[in-house]
Amino acid sequence: MPDYVVQRLVEALDKRGMPVRGSRILLLGLTYKYNATDLRNSPSARVAELLVGLGAEVRGAEPNIPDGDDVKLNVPRVDATPAEVAAADAVVLLMDHPRFDLPMIAKCATYVLDCRNRLSGANIETL
């Protein structure tokens, strides 16, 4: 599934005339399961790895992991603030943790690939 998510994101960026290389991508929800604190076997790590390999500037937001427990991801951790969401060329909702402000994300993001089918709007594409 991570390969498919990245493929869909690459296609979406291409439709918007943006190459993946150099695009700023914000991944939301990095844990293995909903509202969990465990990164083991998380598909998000593979998504991040593939995007970094394609030259994207990837950041990850995960409210459930304490600082320092994210060394496996190899991407900078950020908070999902309105400014961070708006600064991303694409936001990928991988896990819909309850601490994410989904209405704010839908409002502030230029483009969202929603892998959880939780958002709607002209700037939202569901997987």
N, C-alpha and C. Protein backbone atom coordinates (compact mmCIF):
# COMPACT_ATOMS: atom_id res chain seq x y z
N MET A 1 0.80 -1.20 0.00
CA MET A 1 0.00 0.00 0.00
C MET A 1 0.86 1.28 0.00
N PRO A 2 1.99 1.33 0.72
CA PRO A 2 2.79 2.55 0.66
C PRO A 2 3.21 2.93 -0.76
N ASP A 3 3.55 1.94 -1.57
CA ASP A 3 3.94 2.23 -2.95
C ASP A 3 2.78 2.85 -3.73
N TYR A 4 1.58 2.36 -3.48
CA TYR A 4 0.40 2.87 -4.16
C TYR A 4 0.10 4.31 -3.71
N VAL A 5 0.24 4.58 -2.43
CA VAL A 5 0.03 5.93 -1.91
C VAL A 5 0.98 6.90 -2.59
N VAL A 6 2.24 6.52 -2.68
CA VAL A 6 3.24 7.39 -3.30
C VAL A 6 2.93 7.56 -4.79
N GLN A 7 2.53 6.50 -5.46
CA GLN A 7 2.17 6.59 -6.87
C GLN A 7 1.03 7.58 -7.07
N ARG A 8 0.00 7.49 -6.25
CA ARG A 8 -1.14 8.41 -6.35
C ARG A 8 -0.72 9.85 -6.08
N LEU A 9 0.16 10.03 -5.12
CA LEU A 9 0.64 11.38 -4.81
C LEU A 9 1.46 11.95 -5.97
N VAL A 10 2.33 11.14 -6.54
CA VAL A 10 3.13 11.57 -7.68
C VAL A 10 2.21 11.99 -8.83
N GLU A 11 1.18 11.20 -9.10
CA GLU A 11 0.23 11.52 -10.17
C GLU A 11 -0.52 12.82 -9.87
N ALA A 12 -0.91 13.00 -8.63
CA ALA A 12 -1.65 14.22 -8.24
C ALA A 12 -0.77 15.46 -8.39
N LEU A 13 0.47 15.36 -7.97
CA LEU A 13 1.38 16.49 -8.12
C LEU A 13 1.64 16.78 -9.60
N ASP A 14 1.80 15.72 -10.37
CA ASP A 14 2.03 15.88 -11.81
C ASP A 14 0.86 16.60 -12.48
N LYS A 15 -0.37 16.26 -12.09
CA LYS A 15 -1.55 16.94 -12.63
C LYS A 15 -1.53 18.44 -12.33
N ARG A 16 -0.90 18.79 -11.23
CA ARG A 16 -0.81 20.19 -10.83
C ARG A 16 0.45 20.87 -11.37
N GLY A 17 1.19 20.15 -12.20
CA GLY A 17 2.40 20.71 -12.80
C GLY A 17 3.57 20.82 -11.84
N MET A 18 3.56 19.97 -10.80
CA MET A 18 4.62 20.02 -9.80
C MET A 18 5.39 18.70 -9.80
N PRO A 19 6.70 18.76 -9.90
CA PRO A 19 7.48 17.53 -9.76
C PRO A 19 7.55 17.14 -8.28
N VAL A 20 7.75 15.89 -8.02
CA VAL A 20 7.92 15.44 -6.63
C VAL A 20 9.22 16.01 -6.08
N ARG A 21 10.26 15.99 -6.89
CA ARG A 21 11.55 16.51 -6.45
C ARG A 21 11.40 17.98 -6.07
N GLY A 22 11.73 18.27 -4.83
CA GLY A 22 11.64 19.63 -4.33
C GLY A 22 10.30 20.01 -3.73
N SER A 23 9.29 19.16 -3.91
CA SER A 23 7.98 19.46 -3.31
C SER A 23 8.03 19.22 -1.81
N ARG A 24 7.31 20.04 -1.09
CA ARG A 24 7.22 19.90 0.36
C ARG A 24 5.99 19.07 0.69
N ILE A 25 6.21 17.91 1.30
CA ILE A 25 5.15 16.95 1.60
C ILE A 25 5.03 16.81 3.11
N LEU A 26 3.83 16.94 3.63
CA LEU A 26 3.56 16.76 5.05
C LEU A 26 2.79 15.47 5.24
N LEU A 27 3.38 14.52 5.96
CA LEU A 27 2.71 13.27 6.29
C LEU A 27 2.06 13.40 7.65
N LEU A 28 0.78 13.11 7.74
CA LEU A 28 0.05 13.19 9.00
C LEU A 28 -0.29 11.80 9.49
N GLY A 29 0.16 11.47 10.68
CA GLY A 29 -0.11 10.16 11.27
C GLY A 29 0.93 9.16 10.86
N LEU A 30 1.87 8.87 11.74
CA LEU A 30 3.00 8.03 11.39
C LEU A 30 3.01 6.68 12.10
N THR A 31 2.10 6.49 13.03
CA THR A 31 2.08 5.24 13.80
C THR A 31 1.44 4.11 13.00
N TYR A 32 1.61 2.91 13.54
CA TYR A 32 1.10 1.71 12.88
C TYR A 32 -0.43 1.63 12.94
N LYS A 33 -1.00 2.07 14.06
CA LYS A 33 -2.45 1.97 14.24
C LYS A 33 -3.02 3.28 14.78
N TYR A 34 -4.31 3.39 14.65
CA TYR A 34 -5.06 4.56 15.12
C TYR A 34 -4.79 4.83 16.59
N ASN A 35 -4.41 6.06 16.89
CA ASN A 35 -4.20 6.55 18.24
C ASN A 35 -3.17 5.75 19.03
N ALA A 36 -2.28 5.07 18.34
CA ALA A 36 -1.23 4.27 18.99
C ALA A 36 0.04 5.09 19.11
N THR A 37 1.01 4.54 19.84
CA THR A 37 2.31 5.18 20.00
C THR A 37 3.42 4.34 19.40
N ASP A 38 3.08 3.34 18.63
CA ASP A 38 4.02 2.36 18.10
C ASP A 38 4.34 2.63 16.64
N LEU A 39 5.61 2.77 16.33
CA LEU A 39 6.04 2.98 14.95
C LEU A 39 6.43 1.68 14.24
N ARG A 40 6.59 0.61 15.02
CA ARG A 40 7.03 -0.64 14.40
C ARG A 40 6.05 -1.08 13.31
N ASN A 41 6.60 -1.48 12.18
CA ASN A 41 5.83 -1.95 11.02
C ASN A 41 4.90 -0.90 10.44
N SER A 42 5.16 0.35 10.73
CA SER A 42 4.30 1.42 10.21
C SER A 42 4.55 1.61 8.73
N PRO A 43 3.49 1.58 7.92
CA PRO A 43 3.66 1.85 6.49
C PRO A 43 4.10 3.28 6.21
N SER A 44 3.91 4.17 7.15
CA SER A 44 4.31 5.57 6.97
C SER A 44 5.81 5.70 6.76
N ALA A 45 6.58 4.84 7.42
CA ALA A 45 8.03 4.89 7.26
C ALA A 45 8.41 4.59 5.81
N ARG A 46 7.74 3.65 5.20
CA ARG A 46 8.01 3.32 3.79
C ARG A 46 7.57 4.46 2.87
N VAL A 47 6.42 5.07 3.15
CA VAL A 47 5.96 6.22 2.37
C VAL A 47 7.01 7.33 2.43
N ALA A 48 7.48 7.63 3.63
CA ALA A 48 8.50 8.67 3.81
C ALA A 48 9.77 8.31 3.05
N GLU A 49 10.20 7.08 3.16
CA GLU A 49 11.42 6.62 2.49
C GLU A 49 11.32 6.78 0.97
N LEU A 50 10.19 6.38 0.41
CA LEU A 50 9.99 6.49 -1.04
C LEU A 50 9.99 7.94 -1.49
N LEU A 51 9.30 8.80 -0.75
CA LEU A 51 9.22 10.21 -1.12
C LEU A 51 10.58 10.90 -1.02
N VAL A 52 11.32 10.60 0.03
CA VAL A 52 12.66 11.16 0.18
C VAL A 52 13.54 10.68 -0.97
N GLY A 53 13.41 9.42 -1.34
CA GLY A 53 14.16 8.87 -2.46
C GLY A 53 13.85 9.55 -3.78
N LEU A 54 12.64 10.07 -3.91
CA LEU A 54 12.24 10.80 -5.12
C LEU A 54 12.62 12.28 -5.06
N GLY A 55 13.23 12.69 -3.96
CA GLY A 55 13.70 14.07 -3.85
C GLY A 55 12.74 15.04 -3.19
N ALA A 56 11.67 14.53 -2.59
CA ALA A 56 10.71 15.40 -1.90
C ALA A 56 11.28 15.87 -0.57
N GLU A 57 10.83 17.02 -0.13
CA GLU A 57 11.14 17.53 1.20
C GLU A 57 10.00 17.07 2.11
N VAL A 58 10.25 16.01 2.87
CA VAL A 58 9.20 15.35 3.64
C VAL A 58 9.30 15.74 5.10
N ARG A 59 8.14 16.03 5.68
CA ARG A 59 8.02 16.29 7.11
C ARG A 59 6.91 15.40 7.64
N GLY A 60 6.97 15.07 8.90
CA GLY A 60 5.94 14.21 9.49
C GLY A 60 5.37 14.81 10.76
N ALA A 61 4.06 14.68 10.91
CA ALA A 61 3.38 15.12 12.12
C ALA A 61 2.77 13.91 12.80
N GLU A 62 3.13 13.71 14.04
CA GLU A 62 2.60 12.57 14.81
C GLU A 62 2.49 12.98 16.27
N PRO A 63 1.29 13.29 16.73
CA PRO A 63 1.12 13.76 18.11
C PRO A 63 1.28 12.68 19.17
N ASN A 64 1.29 11.42 18.79
CA ASN A 64 1.31 10.34 19.78
C ASN A 64 2.69 9.79 20.09
N ILE A 65 3.72 10.27 19.41
CA ILE A 65 5.07 9.75 19.64
C ILE A 65 5.88 10.81 20.37
N PRO A 66 6.46 10.45 21.52
CA PRO A 66 7.32 11.41 22.22
C PRO A 66 8.54 11.78 21.37
N ASP A 67 9.04 12.99 21.54
CA ASP A 67 10.25 13.40 20.84
C ASP A 67 11.37 12.40 21.12
N GLY A 68 12.11 12.07 20.08
CA GLY A 68 13.23 11.14 20.22
C GLY A 68 12.87 9.71 19.86
N ASP A 69 11.58 9.38 19.84
CA ASP A 69 11.17 8.01 19.51
C ASP A 69 10.94 7.83 18.01
N ASP A 70 11.33 8.79 17.21
CA ASP A 70 11.00 8.76 15.79
C ASP A 70 12.23 8.59 14.90
N VAL A 71 13.30 8.02 15.43
CA VAL A 71 14.54 7.93 14.67
C VAL A 71 14.39 7.05 13.42
N LYS A 72 13.45 6.15 13.41
CA LYS A 72 13.26 5.26 12.25
C LYS A 72 12.72 5.99 11.04
N LEU A 73 12.11 7.12 11.23
CA LEU A 73 11.43 7.79 10.12
C LEU A 73 12.36 8.57 9.21
N ASN A 74 13.44 9.08 9.74
CA ASN A 74 14.40 9.85 8.95
C ASN A 74 13.79 11.07 8.27
N VAL A 75 12.75 11.64 8.86
CA VAL A 75 12.17 12.89 8.39
C VAL A 75 11.97 13.80 9.60
N PRO A 76 12.07 15.09 9.39
CA PRO A 76 11.84 16.01 10.51
C PRO A 76 10.41 15.92 11.02
N ARG A 77 10.28 15.97 12.33
CA ARG A 77 8.94 16.00 12.96
C ARG A 77 8.51 17.43 13.14
N VAL A 78 7.25 17.68 12.84
CA VAL A 78 6.65 19.01 13.01
C VAL A 78 5.27 18.83 13.62
N ASP A 79 4.70 19.92 14.09
CA ASP A 79 3.32 19.91 14.54
C ASP A 79 2.43 20.26 13.35
N ALA A 80 1.23 19.73 13.34
CA ALA A 80 0.28 20.00 12.25
C ALA A 80 -0.43 21.31 12.53
N THR A 81 0.31 22.40 12.42
CA THR A 81 -0.24 23.74 12.65
C THR A 81 -0.81 24.28 11.33
N PRO A 82 -1.66 25.29 11.40
CA PRO A 82 -2.15 25.89 10.16
C PRO A 82 -1.02 26.35 9.24
N ALA A 83 0.03 26.93 9.80
CA ALA A 83 1.15 27.41 8.98
C ALA A 83 1.88 26.25 8.31
N GLU A 84 2.10 25.17 9.04
CA GLU A 84 2.79 24.00 8.49
C GLU A 84 1.96 23.33 7.40
N VAL A 85 0.67 23.22 7.64
CA VAL A 85 -0.23 22.62 6.64
C VAL A 85 -0.27 23.48 5.39
N ALA A 86 -0.39 24.78 5.55
CA ALA A 86 -0.47 25.69 4.40
C ALA A 86 0.84 25.74 3.62
N ALA A 87 1.97 25.53 4.29
CA ALA A 87 3.28 25.59 3.62
C ALA A 87 3.56 24.35 2.77
N ALA A 88 2.83 23.28 2.99
CA ALA A 88 3.07 22.03 2.24
C ALA A 88 2.46 22.10 0.85
N ASP A 89 3.17 21.58 -0.12
CA ASP A 89 2.61 21.43 -1.47
C ASP A 89 1.55 20.34 -1.49
N ALA A 90 1.72 19.35 -0.61
CA ALA A 90 0.74 18.27 -0.47
C ALA A 90 0.77 17.76 0.96
N VAL A 91 -0.41 17.44 1.46
CA VAL A 91 -0.57 16.83 2.78
C VAL A 91 -1.13 15.44 2.55
N VAL A 92 -0.55 14.45 3.22
CA VAL A 92 -1.04 13.07 3.10
C VAL A 92 -1.54 12.63 4.47
N LEU A 93 -2.84 12.42 4.58
CA LEU A 93 -3.43 11.96 5.83
C LEU A 93 -3.33 10.43 5.86
N LEU A 94 -2.34 9.94 6.60
CA LEU A 94 -2.10 8.50 6.67
C LEU A 94 -2.83 7.85 7.84
N MET A 95 -2.96 8.59 8.94
CA MET A 95 -3.66 8.08 10.12
C MET A 95 -4.42 9.24 10.73
N ASP A 96 -5.70 9.05 10.95
CA ASP A 96 -6.57 10.15 11.39
C ASP A 96 -6.71 10.20 12.91
N HIS A 97 -5.61 10.49 13.57
CA HIS A 97 -5.63 10.57 15.03
C HIS A 97 -6.60 11.66 15.49
N PRO A 98 -7.25 11.47 16.63
CA PRO A 98 -8.23 12.45 17.10
C PRO A 98 -7.62 13.81 17.44
N ARG A 99 -6.31 13.87 17.65
CA ARG A 99 -5.68 15.15 17.99
C ARG A 99 -5.41 16.01 16.75
N PHE A 100 -5.63 15.48 15.55
CA PHE A 100 -5.50 16.30 14.35
C PHE A 100 -6.77 17.12 14.17
N ASP A 101 -6.61 18.38 13.83
CA ASP A 101 -7.73 19.27 13.56
C ASP A 101 -8.09 19.12 12.07
N LEU A 102 -8.95 18.15 11.78
CA LEU A 102 -9.28 17.82 10.39
C LEU A 102 -9.94 18.98 9.64
N PRO A 103 -10.88 19.72 10.24
CA PRO A 103 -11.43 20.88 9.51
C PRO A 103 -10.36 21.92 9.15
N MET A 104 -9.42 22.16 10.06
CA MET A 104 -8.34 23.10 9.78
C MET A 104 -7.48 22.59 8.63
N ILE A 105 -7.18 21.30 8.62
CA ILE A 105 -6.36 20.71 7.56
C ILE A 105 -7.06 20.89 6.21
N ALA A 106 -8.35 20.59 6.17
CA ALA A 106 -9.10 20.74 4.91
C ALA A 106 -9.12 22.19 4.45
N LYS A 107 -9.18 23.11 5.39
CA LYS A 107 -9.25 24.53 5.05
C LYS A 107 -7.90 25.10 4.62
N CYS A 108 -6.83 24.71 5.29
CA CYS A 108 -5.52 25.34 5.08
C CYS A 108 -4.66 24.68 4.01
N ALA A 109 -4.90 23.42 3.73
CA ALA A 109 -4.04 22.69 2.79
C ALA A 109 -4.37 23.04 1.34
N THR A 110 -3.34 23.15 0.54
CA THR A 110 -3.51 23.35 -0.89
C THR A 110 -4.07 22.09 -1.53
N TYR A 111 -3.53 20.93 -1.12
CA TYR A 111 -3.95 19.63 -1.65
C TYR A 111 -3.77 18.60 -0.55
N VAL A 112 -4.76 17.71 -0.40
CA VAL A 112 -4.69 16.62 0.57
C VAL A 112 -4.99 15.30 -0.13
N LEU A 113 -4.11 14.33 0.08
CA LEU A 113 -4.41 12.95 -0.30
C LEU A 113 -4.87 12.27 0.99
N ASP A 114 -6.16 12.01 1.08
CA ASP A 114 -6.78 11.48 2.29
C ASP A 114 -6.87 9.96 2.19
N CYS A 115 -6.00 9.29 2.91
CA CYS A 115 -5.96 7.82 2.90
C CYS A 115 -6.94 7.20 3.89
N ARG A 116 -7.66 8.02 4.63
CA ARG A 116 -8.60 7.53 5.66
C ARG A 116 -10.05 7.88 5.34
N ASN A 117 -10.29 8.61 4.25
CA ASN A 117 -11.64 9.00 3.84
C ASN A 117 -12.37 9.77 4.94
N ARG A 118 -11.70 10.78 5.47
CA ARG A 118 -12.25 11.59 6.55
C ARG A 118 -12.51 13.03 6.17
N LEU A 119 -12.01 13.46 5.00
CA LEU A 119 -12.11 14.86 4.61
C LEU A 119 -12.86 14.99 3.29
N SER A 120 -13.37 16.18 3.06
CA SER A 120 -14.01 16.44 1.77
C SER A 120 -13.75 17.89 1.39
N GLY A 121 -13.80 18.15 0.09
CA GLY A 121 -13.59 19.50 -0.41
C GLY A 121 -12.92 19.45 -1.77
N ALA A 122 -12.85 20.58 -2.41
CA ALA A 122 -12.27 20.67 -3.75
C ALA A 122 -10.79 20.35 -3.74
N ASN A 123 -10.11 20.58 -2.64
CA ASN A 123 -8.67 20.34 -2.54
C ASN A 123 -8.33 18.97 -1.96
N ILE A 124 -9.34 18.10 -1.80
CA ILE A 124 -9.16 16.80 -1.16
C ILE A 124 -9.36 15.69 -2.19
N GLU A 125 -8.44 14.75 -2.20
CA GLU A 125 -8.58 13.54 -3.01
C GLU A 125 -8.51 12.35 -2.06
N THR A 126 -9.49 11.46 -2.13
CA THR A 126 -9.46 10.29 -1.25
C THR A 126 -8.87 9.11 -1.98
N LEU A 127 -8.25 8.26 -1.22
CA LEU A 127 -7.61 7.07 -1.76
C LEU A 127 -8.62 5.98 -2.00
